[in-house]
Amino acid sequence: MRFVEFYENGYGISVINNEFSYGTELAVLKGTEDKHEICYDTPITDDVVGCLDPEGLDRTIKAVKDLPSLNNKENE
């Protein structure tokens, strides 16, 4: 399973769960559907978040949605 979604703040998520992952894993992305990369410098994680249960996945997705806009960070 793979799920990718992007938010208005310029961040997104990639969620995977397969035979090679550590359970359900979430990576924070920055960019757009057309051009993005994994973001390793958020308060959420400096890598991917693994072994997520449904509640942990929901909390992490909410935390990504609540991150300050990348546009604001670039203007600081």
N, C-alpha and C. Protein backbone atom coordinates (compact mmCIF):
# COMPACT_ATOMS: atom_id res chain seq x y z
N MET A 1 0.84 -1.17 0.00
CA MET A 1 0.00 0.00 0.00
C MET A 1 0.89 1.24 0.00
N ARG A 2 0.51 2.21 -0.82
CA ARG A 2 1.19 3.51 -0.82
C ARG A 2 0.15 4.60 -1.01
N PHE A 3 0.27 5.64 -0.19
CA PHE A 3 -0.65 6.77 -0.24
C PHE A 3 0.17 8.04 -0.16
N VAL A 4 -0.09 8.99 -1.06
CA VAL A 4 0.60 10.27 -1.07
C VAL A 4 -0.44 11.37 -1.09
N GLU A 5 -0.20 12.41 -0.28
CA GLU A 5 -1.14 13.53 -0.19
C GLU A 5 -0.35 14.80 0.13
N PHE A 6 -0.79 15.93 -0.42
CA PHE A 6 -0.13 17.22 -0.19
C PHE A 6 -1.11 18.21 0.41
N TYR A 7 -0.57 19.18 1.16
CA TYR A 7 -1.39 20.14 1.90
C TYR A 7 -1.03 21.56 1.50
N GLU A 8 -1.90 22.50 1.88
CA GLU A 8 -1.73 23.90 1.50
C GLU A 8 -0.46 24.52 2.07
N ASN A 9 0.09 23.97 3.14
CA ASN A 9 1.28 24.54 3.76
C ASN A 9 2.57 24.19 3.02
N GLY A 10 2.47 23.43 1.93
CA GLY A 10 3.66 23.08 1.15
C GLY A 10 4.27 21.74 1.53
N TYR A 11 3.70 21.10 2.54
CA TYR A 11 4.16 19.78 2.97
C TYR A 11 3.20 18.71 2.47
N GLY A 12 3.65 17.50 2.52
CA GLY A 12 2.81 16.37 2.18
C GLY A 12 3.27 15.16 2.94
N ILE A 13 2.63 14.04 2.65
CA ILE A 13 2.99 12.78 3.29
C ILE A 13 3.06 11.67 2.26
N SER A 14 3.89 10.72 2.54
CA SER A 14 3.92 9.46 1.81
C SER A 14 3.80 8.37 2.87
N VAL A 15 2.76 7.56 2.76
CA VAL A 15 2.52 6.48 3.71
C VAL A 15 2.66 5.17 2.97
N ILE A 16 3.48 4.27 3.51
CA ILE A 16 3.63 2.95 2.91
C ILE A 16 3.45 1.87 3.97
N ASN A 17 3.06 0.72 3.51
CA ASN A 17 3.02 -0.47 4.34
C ASN A 17 3.16 -1.65 3.39
N ASN A 18 4.33 -2.29 3.44
CA ASN A 18 4.56 -3.44 2.58
C ASN A 18 5.54 -4.38 3.26
N GLU A 19 5.94 -5.41 2.57
CA GLU A 19 6.81 -6.41 3.18
C GLU A 19 8.21 -5.87 3.50
N PHE A 20 8.58 -4.74 2.96
CA PHE A 20 9.91 -4.18 3.19
C PHE A 20 9.91 -3.04 4.20
N SER A 21 8.72 -2.57 4.62
CA SER A 21 8.63 -1.44 5.54
C SER A 21 8.57 -1.91 6.98
N TYR A 22 8.79 -0.96 7.89
CA TYR A 22 8.65 -1.23 9.32
C TYR A 22 7.20 -0.94 9.70
N GLY A 23 6.32 -1.84 9.36
CA GLY A 23 4.89 -1.60 9.57
C GLY A 23 4.44 -0.46 8.69
N THR A 24 3.55 0.35 9.22
CA THR A 24 3.10 1.54 8.49
C THR A 24 4.12 2.64 8.72
N GLU A 25 4.68 3.16 7.63
CA GLU A 25 5.70 4.21 7.70
C GLU A 25 5.18 5.48 7.03
N LEU A 26 5.55 6.62 7.59
CA LEU A 26 5.18 7.91 7.03
C LEU A 26 6.44 8.73 6.81
N ALA A 27 6.56 9.30 5.62
CA ALA A 27 7.63 10.26 5.32
C ALA A 27 6.99 11.62 5.10
N VAL A 28 7.60 12.66 5.65
CA VAL A 28 7.16 14.03 5.41
C VAL A 28 7.78 14.47 4.08
N LEU A 29 6.96 15.02 3.22
CA LEU A 29 7.41 15.52 1.92
C LEU A 29 7.31 17.03 1.89
N LYS A 30 8.09 17.64 1.01
CA LYS A 30 7.90 19.07 0.73
C LYS A 30 7.86 19.23 -0.78
N GLY A 31 6.96 20.10 -1.22
CA GLY A 31 6.81 20.32 -2.65
C GLY A 31 5.39 20.09 -3.11
N THR A 32 5.27 19.62 -4.34
CA THR A 32 3.97 19.37 -4.95
C THR A 32 3.94 17.94 -5.49
N GLU A 33 2.79 17.53 -5.98
CA GLU A 33 2.70 16.19 -6.56
C GLU A 33 3.68 16.02 -7.71
N ASP A 34 3.90 17.08 -8.48
CA ASP A 34 4.79 16.99 -9.64
C ASP A 34 6.27 17.04 -9.28
N LYS A 35 6.60 17.74 -8.20
CA LYS A 35 8.00 17.90 -7.83
C LYS A 35 8.10 17.96 -6.31
N HIS A 36 8.60 16.88 -5.71
CA HIS A 36 8.71 16.82 -4.26
C HIS A 36 9.90 15.98 -3.84
N GLU A 37 10.23 16.11 -2.55
CA GLU A 37 11.31 15.34 -1.97
C GLU A 37 10.99 15.09 -0.51
N ILE A 38 11.66 14.12 0.08
CA ILE A 38 11.48 13.88 1.50
C ILE A 38 12.11 15.03 2.27
N CYS A 39 11.41 15.50 3.28
CA CYS A 39 11.88 16.60 4.13
C CYS A 39 12.42 16.00 5.42
N TYR A 40 13.69 16.21 5.67
CA TYR A 40 14.35 15.62 6.84
C TYR A 40 14.55 16.61 7.99
N ASP A 41 13.96 17.79 7.90
CA ASP A 41 14.21 18.79 8.94
C ASP A 41 12.93 19.44 9.47
N THR A 42 12.02 18.60 9.95
CA THR A 42 10.81 19.11 10.59
C THR A 42 10.84 18.73 12.07
N PRO A 43 10.03 19.39 12.88
CA PRO A 43 9.95 19.00 14.29
C PRO A 43 9.31 17.61 14.47
N ILE A 44 8.70 17.10 13.42
CA ILE A 44 8.04 15.80 13.49
C ILE A 44 9.06 14.67 13.45
N THR A 45 10.00 14.76 12.51
CA THR A 45 11.02 13.71 12.37
C THR A 45 12.16 14.20 11.50
N ASP A 46 13.32 13.59 11.68
CA ASP A 46 14.45 13.87 10.79
C ASP A 46 14.72 12.66 9.89
N ASP A 47 13.73 11.79 9.79
CA ASP A 47 13.80 10.58 8.98
C ASP A 47 12.36 10.20 8.62
N VAL A 48 12.06 8.93 8.53
CA VAL A 48 10.68 8.49 8.38
C VAL A 48 10.18 8.02 9.75
N VAL A 49 8.86 8.02 9.92
CA VAL A 49 8.26 7.52 11.15
C VAL A 49 7.70 6.14 10.86
N GLY A 50 8.19 5.13 11.56
CA GLY A 50 7.75 3.77 11.30
C GLY A 50 6.93 3.19 12.43
N CYS A 51 6.40 2.01 12.18
CA CYS A 51 5.63 1.24 13.18
C CYS A 51 4.44 2.03 13.73
N LEU A 52 3.75 2.76 12.85
CA LEU A 52 2.62 3.57 13.28
C LEU A 52 1.34 2.73 13.36
N ASP A 53 0.63 2.88 14.47
CA ASP A 53 -0.71 2.30 14.58
C ASP A 53 -1.68 3.34 14.01
N PRO A 54 -2.96 3.00 13.82
CA PRO A 54 -3.89 3.97 13.22
C PRO A 54 -3.96 5.31 13.95
N GLU A 55 -3.93 5.29 15.28
CA GLU A 55 -3.99 6.55 16.03
C GLU A 55 -2.72 7.36 15.84
N GLY A 56 -1.57 6.69 15.85
CA GLY A 56 -0.30 7.39 15.63
C GLY A 56 -0.22 7.96 14.23
N LEU A 57 -0.75 7.25 13.26
CA LEU A 57 -0.77 7.74 11.89
C LEU A 57 -1.64 9.00 11.81
N ASP A 58 -2.83 8.96 12.41
CA ASP A 58 -3.70 10.13 12.41
C ASP A 58 -3.04 11.33 13.07
N ARG A 59 -2.39 11.11 14.23
CA ARG A 59 -1.70 12.21 14.94
C ARG A 59 -0.58 12.80 14.10
N THR A 60 0.17 11.94 13.42
CA THR A 60 1.30 12.41 12.62
C THR A 60 0.82 13.18 11.40
N ILE A 61 -0.22 12.70 10.76
CA ILE A 61 -0.78 13.42 9.61
C ILE A 61 -1.27 14.80 10.06
N LYS A 62 -1.97 14.88 11.18
CA LYS A 62 -2.43 16.17 11.70
C LYS A 62 -1.26 17.10 11.98
N ALA A 63 -0.17 16.55 12.54
CA ALA A 63 1.02 17.36 12.83
C ALA A 63 1.62 17.93 11.55
N VAL A 64 1.63 17.15 10.47
CA VAL A 64 2.16 17.63 9.19
C VAL A 64 1.25 18.74 8.65
N LYS A 65 -0.05 18.52 8.72
CA LYS A 65 -1.00 19.55 8.25
C LYS A 65 -0.85 20.85 9.03
N ASP A 66 -0.47 20.75 10.31
CA ASP A 66 -0.36 21.92 11.18
C ASP A 66 1.00 22.61 11.12
N LEU A 67 1.95 22.09 10.36
CA LEU A 67 3.25 22.74 10.24
C LEU A 67 3.08 24.12 9.61
N PRO A 68 3.92 25.08 10.02
CA PRO A 68 3.87 26.41 9.38
C PRO A 68 4.15 26.28 7.89
N SER A 69 3.57 27.16 7.13
CA SER A 69 3.71 27.14 5.68
C SER A 69 5.17 27.26 5.25
N LEU A 70 5.55 26.47 4.28
CA LEU A 70 6.90 26.58 3.72
C LEU A 70 7.13 27.96 3.13
N ASN A 71 6.10 28.57 2.58
CA ASN A 71 6.23 29.92 2.01
C ASN A 71 6.65 30.91 3.08
N ASN A 72 6.11 30.78 4.29
CA ASN A 72 6.49 31.66 5.39
C ASN A 72 7.94 31.43 5.80
N LYS A 73 8.39 30.17 5.82
CA LYS A 73 9.76 29.85 6.19
C LYS A 73 10.75 30.44 5.19
N GLU A 74 10.38 30.41 3.91
CA GLU A 74 11.28 30.93 2.88
C GLU A 74 11.39 32.44 2.95
N ASN A 75 10.37 33.12 3.50
CA ASN A 75 10.39 34.58 3.57
C ASN A 75 11.03 35.11 4.85
N GLU A 76 11.41 34.22 5.78
CA GLU A 76 12.02 34.66 7.05
C GLU A 76 13.46 35.06 6.85
